[in-house]
């Protein structure tokens, strides 16, 4: 899976607020909070970037789909099925 950020970038301490019961359970289970947040944040960044890209390219994608609907694919004459 391709990463959308520099894996070699240095770690930076930060403060955040989290549900105290959830934090207690995570600590009890010895979950690595930094790694868990980094994975979740990476997934959210990837989804947001995908949505942003789709919105930015929406007109071109729709135009391409209209062209294919009207004219077909360039490779249609080579299909065997």
N, C-alpha and C. Protein backbone atom coordinates (compact mmCIF):
# COMPACT_ATOMS: atom_id res chain seq x y z
N UNK A 1 0.85 -1.17 0.00
CA UNK A 1 0.00 0.00 0.00
C UNK A 1 0.90 1.24 0.00
N UNK A 2 0.66 2.16 -0.91
CA UNK A 2 1.45 3.37 -1.01
C UNK A 2 1.08 4.32 0.12
N UNK A 3 2.11 4.99 0.63
CA UNK A 3 1.88 5.94 1.72
C UNK A 3 1.76 7.34 1.15
N UNK A 4 0.92 8.14 1.76
CA UNK A 4 0.69 9.50 1.29
C UNK A 4 1.54 10.51 2.05
N UNK A 5 2.48 10.02 2.83
CA UNK A 5 3.32 10.91 3.62
C UNK A 5 4.72 10.31 3.71
N UNK A 6 5.66 11.10 4.17
CA UNK A 6 7.06 10.68 4.28
C UNK A 6 7.24 9.83 5.54
N UNK A 7 7.48 8.54 5.34
CA UNK A 7 7.66 7.63 6.47
C UNK A 7 8.92 7.94 7.27
N UNK A 8 9.87 8.64 6.66
CA UNK A 8 11.13 8.96 7.33
C UNK A 8 11.07 10.27 8.11
N UNK A 9 9.97 10.98 8.02
CA UNK A 9 9.85 12.26 8.73
C UNK A 9 9.95 12.01 10.23
N UNK A 10 10.56 12.95 10.95
CA UNK A 10 10.70 12.74 12.40
C UNK A 10 9.34 12.77 13.11
N UNK A 11 9.28 12.08 14.23
CA UNK A 11 8.07 12.07 15.05
C UNK A 11 7.99 13.41 15.79
N UNK A 12 6.78 13.89 15.98
CA UNK A 12 6.58 15.17 16.66
C UNK A 12 5.58 14.98 17.80
N UNK A 13 5.98 15.30 19.02
CA UNK A 13 5.04 15.17 20.14
C UNK A 13 3.86 16.13 19.95
N UNK A 14 2.68 15.69 20.36
CA UNK A 14 1.49 16.53 20.25
C UNK A 14 0.53 16.19 21.38
N UNK A 15 -0.36 17.10 21.67
CA UNK A 15 -1.38 16.87 22.69
C UNK A 15 -2.72 16.70 22.02
N UNK A 16 -3.55 15.83 22.55
CA UNK A 16 -4.90 15.67 22.05
C UNK A 16 -5.80 15.22 23.18
N UNK A 17 -7.08 15.37 22.96
CA UNK A 17 -8.06 14.95 23.96
C UNK A 17 -8.74 13.69 23.46
N UNK A 18 -8.95 12.75 24.39
CA UNK A 18 -9.56 11.47 24.03
C UNK A 18 -10.45 11.02 25.19
N UNK A 19 -11.47 10.28 24.88
CA UNK A 19 -12.37 9.75 25.89
C UNK A 19 -11.55 8.98 26.93
N UNK A 20 -11.73 9.33 28.19
CA UNK A 20 -10.90 8.74 29.25
C UNK A 20 -11.10 7.23 29.40
N UNK A 21 -12.33 6.77 29.22
CA UNK A 21 -12.58 5.33 29.33
C UNK A 21 -11.91 4.58 28.19
N UNK A 22 -12.00 5.14 27.00
CA UNK A 22 -11.35 4.53 25.84
C UNK A 22 -9.84 4.48 26.04
N UNK A 23 -9.27 5.55 26.55
CA UNK A 23 -7.84 5.59 26.81
C UNK A 23 -7.44 4.54 27.85
N UNK A 24 -8.23 4.40 28.90
CA UNK A 24 -7.94 3.39 29.94
C UNK A 24 -7.96 1.98 29.36
N UNK A 25 -8.95 1.70 28.54
CA UNK A 25 -9.04 0.37 27.93
C UNK A 25 -7.87 0.11 26.99
N UNK A 26 -7.48 1.13 26.22
CA UNK A 26 -6.35 0.98 25.30
C UNK A 26 -5.06 0.71 26.07
N UNK A 27 -4.86 1.43 27.17
CA UNK A 27 -3.66 1.22 27.99
C UNK A 27 -3.68 -0.17 28.63
N UNK A 28 -4.85 -0.58 29.10
CA UNK A 28 -5.02 -1.90 29.71
C UNK A 28 -4.65 -3.00 28.71
N UNK A 29 -4.98 -2.78 27.46
CA UNK A 29 -4.69 -3.76 26.41
C UNK A 29 -3.30 -3.58 25.81
N UNK A 30 -2.55 -2.62 26.38
CA UNK A 30 -1.19 -2.33 25.94
C UNK A 30 -1.12 -1.99 24.44
N UNK A 31 -2.11 -1.23 23.98
CA UNK A 31 -2.12 -0.80 22.59
C UNK A 31 -1.13 0.35 22.41
N UNK A 32 -0.44 0.36 21.31
CA UNK A 32 0.49 1.44 20.99
C UNK A 32 -0.33 2.60 20.43
N UNK A 33 -0.56 3.61 21.25
CA UNK A 33 -1.41 4.72 20.85
C UNK A 33 -0.84 5.48 19.66
N UNK A 34 0.45 5.70 19.65
CA UNK A 34 1.07 6.45 18.54
C UNK A 34 0.89 5.72 17.22
N UNK A 35 1.17 4.43 17.21
CA UNK A 35 1.05 3.64 15.98
C UNK A 35 -0.41 3.54 15.54
N UNK A 36 -1.31 3.37 16.51
CA UNK A 36 -2.74 3.26 16.20
C UNK A 36 -3.26 4.55 15.59
N UNK A 37 -2.90 5.68 16.20
CA UNK A 37 -3.34 6.97 15.67
C UNK A 37 -2.72 7.23 14.30
N UNK A 38 -1.44 6.90 14.15
CA UNK A 38 -0.77 7.12 12.87
C UNK A 38 -1.45 6.32 11.75
N UNK A 39 -1.80 5.07 12.03
CA UNK A 39 -2.50 4.26 11.03
C UNK A 39 -3.88 4.83 10.71
N UNK A 40 -4.63 5.19 11.74
CA UNK A 40 -5.97 5.74 11.52
C UNK A 40 -5.90 7.07 10.78
N UNK A 41 -4.96 7.91 11.16
CA UNK A 41 -4.81 9.22 10.52
C UNK A 41 -4.37 9.07 9.07
N UNK A 42 -3.49 8.12 8.82
CA UNK A 42 -3.05 7.85 7.45
C UNK A 42 -4.23 7.43 6.58
N UNK A 43 -5.09 6.57 7.10
CA UNK A 43 -6.28 6.14 6.36
C UNK A 43 -7.22 7.31 6.08
N UNK A 44 -7.41 8.18 7.07
CA UNK A 44 -8.29 9.33 6.90
C UNK A 44 -7.71 10.32 5.88
N UNK A 45 -6.39 10.53 5.93
CA UNK A 45 -5.73 11.42 4.97
C UNK A 45 -5.89 10.85 3.56
N UNK A 46 -5.68 9.54 3.42
CA UNK A 46 -5.81 8.90 2.11
C UNK A 46 -7.23 9.06 1.56
N UNK A 47 -8.24 8.85 2.42
CA UNK A 47 -9.63 9.00 1.99
C UNK A 47 -9.94 10.45 1.60
N UNK A 48 -9.46 11.40 2.40
CA UNK A 48 -9.72 12.81 2.12
C UNK A 48 -9.02 13.24 0.83
N UNK A 49 -7.79 12.77 0.61
CA UNK A 49 -7.08 13.10 -0.62
C UNK A 49 -7.77 12.48 -1.83
N UNK A 50 -8.29 11.27 -1.69
CA UNK A 50 -9.01 10.62 -2.79
C UNK A 50 -10.26 11.42 -3.14
N UNK A 51 -11.02 11.81 -2.12
CA UNK A 51 -12.23 12.60 -2.33
C UNK A 51 -11.88 13.93 -3.00
N UNK A 52 -10.82 14.57 -2.52
CA UNK A 52 -10.38 15.84 -3.09
C UNK A 52 -9.99 15.66 -4.57
N UNK A 53 -9.26 14.59 -4.88
CA UNK A 53 -8.84 14.33 -6.25
C UNK A 53 -10.06 14.08 -7.14
N UNK A 54 -11.01 13.27 -6.66
CA UNK A 54 -12.22 12.99 -7.44
C UNK A 54 -13.02 14.26 -7.71
N UNK A 55 -13.14 15.12 -6.70
CA UNK A 55 -13.86 16.38 -6.88
C UNK A 55 -13.14 17.28 -7.89
N UNK A 56 -11.82 17.34 -7.79
CA UNK A 56 -11.02 18.18 -8.69
C UNK A 56 -11.14 17.69 -10.13
N UNK A 57 -11.22 16.40 -10.32
CA UNK A 57 -11.21 15.80 -11.66
C UNK A 57 -12.59 15.35 -12.13
N UNK A 58 -13.63 15.73 -11.40
CA UNK A 58 -14.99 15.27 -11.70
C UNK A 58 -15.41 15.60 -13.13
N UNK A 59 -15.17 16.82 -13.57
CA UNK A 59 -15.59 17.22 -14.92
C UNK A 59 -14.88 16.38 -15.98
N UNK A 60 -13.58 16.16 -15.82
CA UNK A 60 -12.82 15.38 -16.80
C UNK A 60 -13.27 13.93 -16.81
N UNK A 61 -13.54 13.37 -15.64
CA UNK A 61 -14.00 11.98 -15.56
C UNK A 61 -15.36 11.84 -16.24
N UNK A 62 -16.25 12.78 -15.97
CA UNK A 62 -17.58 12.74 -16.59
C UNK A 62 -17.48 12.90 -18.10
N UNK A 63 -16.59 13.79 -18.57
CA UNK A 63 -16.40 13.98 -20.01
C UNK A 63 -15.86 12.71 -20.65
N UNK A 64 -14.93 12.06 -20.00
CA UNK A 64 -14.37 10.81 -20.52
C UNK A 64 -15.44 9.72 -20.58
N UNK A 65 -16.25 9.63 -19.54
CA UNK A 65 -17.33 8.64 -19.53
C UNK A 65 -18.35 8.92 -20.62
N UNK A 66 -18.68 10.20 -20.84
CA UNK A 66 -19.62 10.56 -21.92
C UNK A 66 -19.04 10.16 -23.27
N UNK A 67 -17.75 10.43 -23.47
CA UNK A 67 -17.09 10.09 -24.73
C UNK A 67 -17.18 8.59 -24.98
N UNK A 68 -16.87 7.80 -23.96
CA UNK A 68 -16.91 6.33 -24.10
C UNK A 68 -18.35 5.88 -24.36
N UNK A 69 -19.31 6.47 -23.67
CA UNK A 69 -20.72 6.11 -23.90
C UNK A 69 -21.14 6.41 -25.33
N UNK A 70 -20.68 7.53 -25.86
CA UNK A 70 -21.08 7.95 -27.21
C UNK A 70 -20.28 7.26 -28.31
N UNK A 71 -18.98 7.14 -28.13
CA UNK A 71 -18.10 6.66 -29.20
C UNK A 71 -17.57 5.25 -28.97
N UNK A 72 -17.64 4.77 -27.74
CA UNK A 72 -17.06 3.47 -27.41
C UNK A 72 -15.58 3.61 -27.09
N UNK A 73 -14.95 2.48 -26.82
CA UNK A 73 -13.52 2.46 -26.52
C UNK A 73 -12.72 2.31 -27.81
N UNK A 74 -11.50 2.84 -27.81
CA UNK A 74 -10.64 2.71 -28.97
C UNK A 74 -10.34 1.24 -29.28
N UNK A 75 -10.36 0.41 -28.27
CA UNK A 75 -10.02 -1.01 -28.45
C UNK A 75 -11.23 -1.89 -28.77
N UNK A 76 -12.40 -1.30 -28.91
CA UNK A 76 -13.61 -2.11 -29.16
C UNK A 76 -13.48 -3.02 -30.37
N UNK A 77 -12.81 -2.57 -31.42
CA UNK A 77 -12.70 -3.38 -32.64
C UNK A 77 -11.78 -4.59 -32.44
N UNK A 78 -11.02 -4.61 -31.37
CA UNK A 78 -10.10 -5.73 -31.11
C UNK A 78 -10.67 -6.74 -30.12
N UNK A 79 -11.83 -6.49 -29.59
CA UNK A 79 -12.44 -7.40 -28.62
C UNK A 79 -12.89 -8.68 -29.30
N UNK A 80 -12.74 -9.78 -28.58
CA UNK A 80 -13.17 -11.07 -29.12
C UNK A 80 -14.47 -11.53 -28.49
N UNK A 81 -14.88 -10.88 -27.43
CA UNK A 81 -16.11 -11.28 -26.74
C UNK A 81 -17.23 -10.36 -27.13
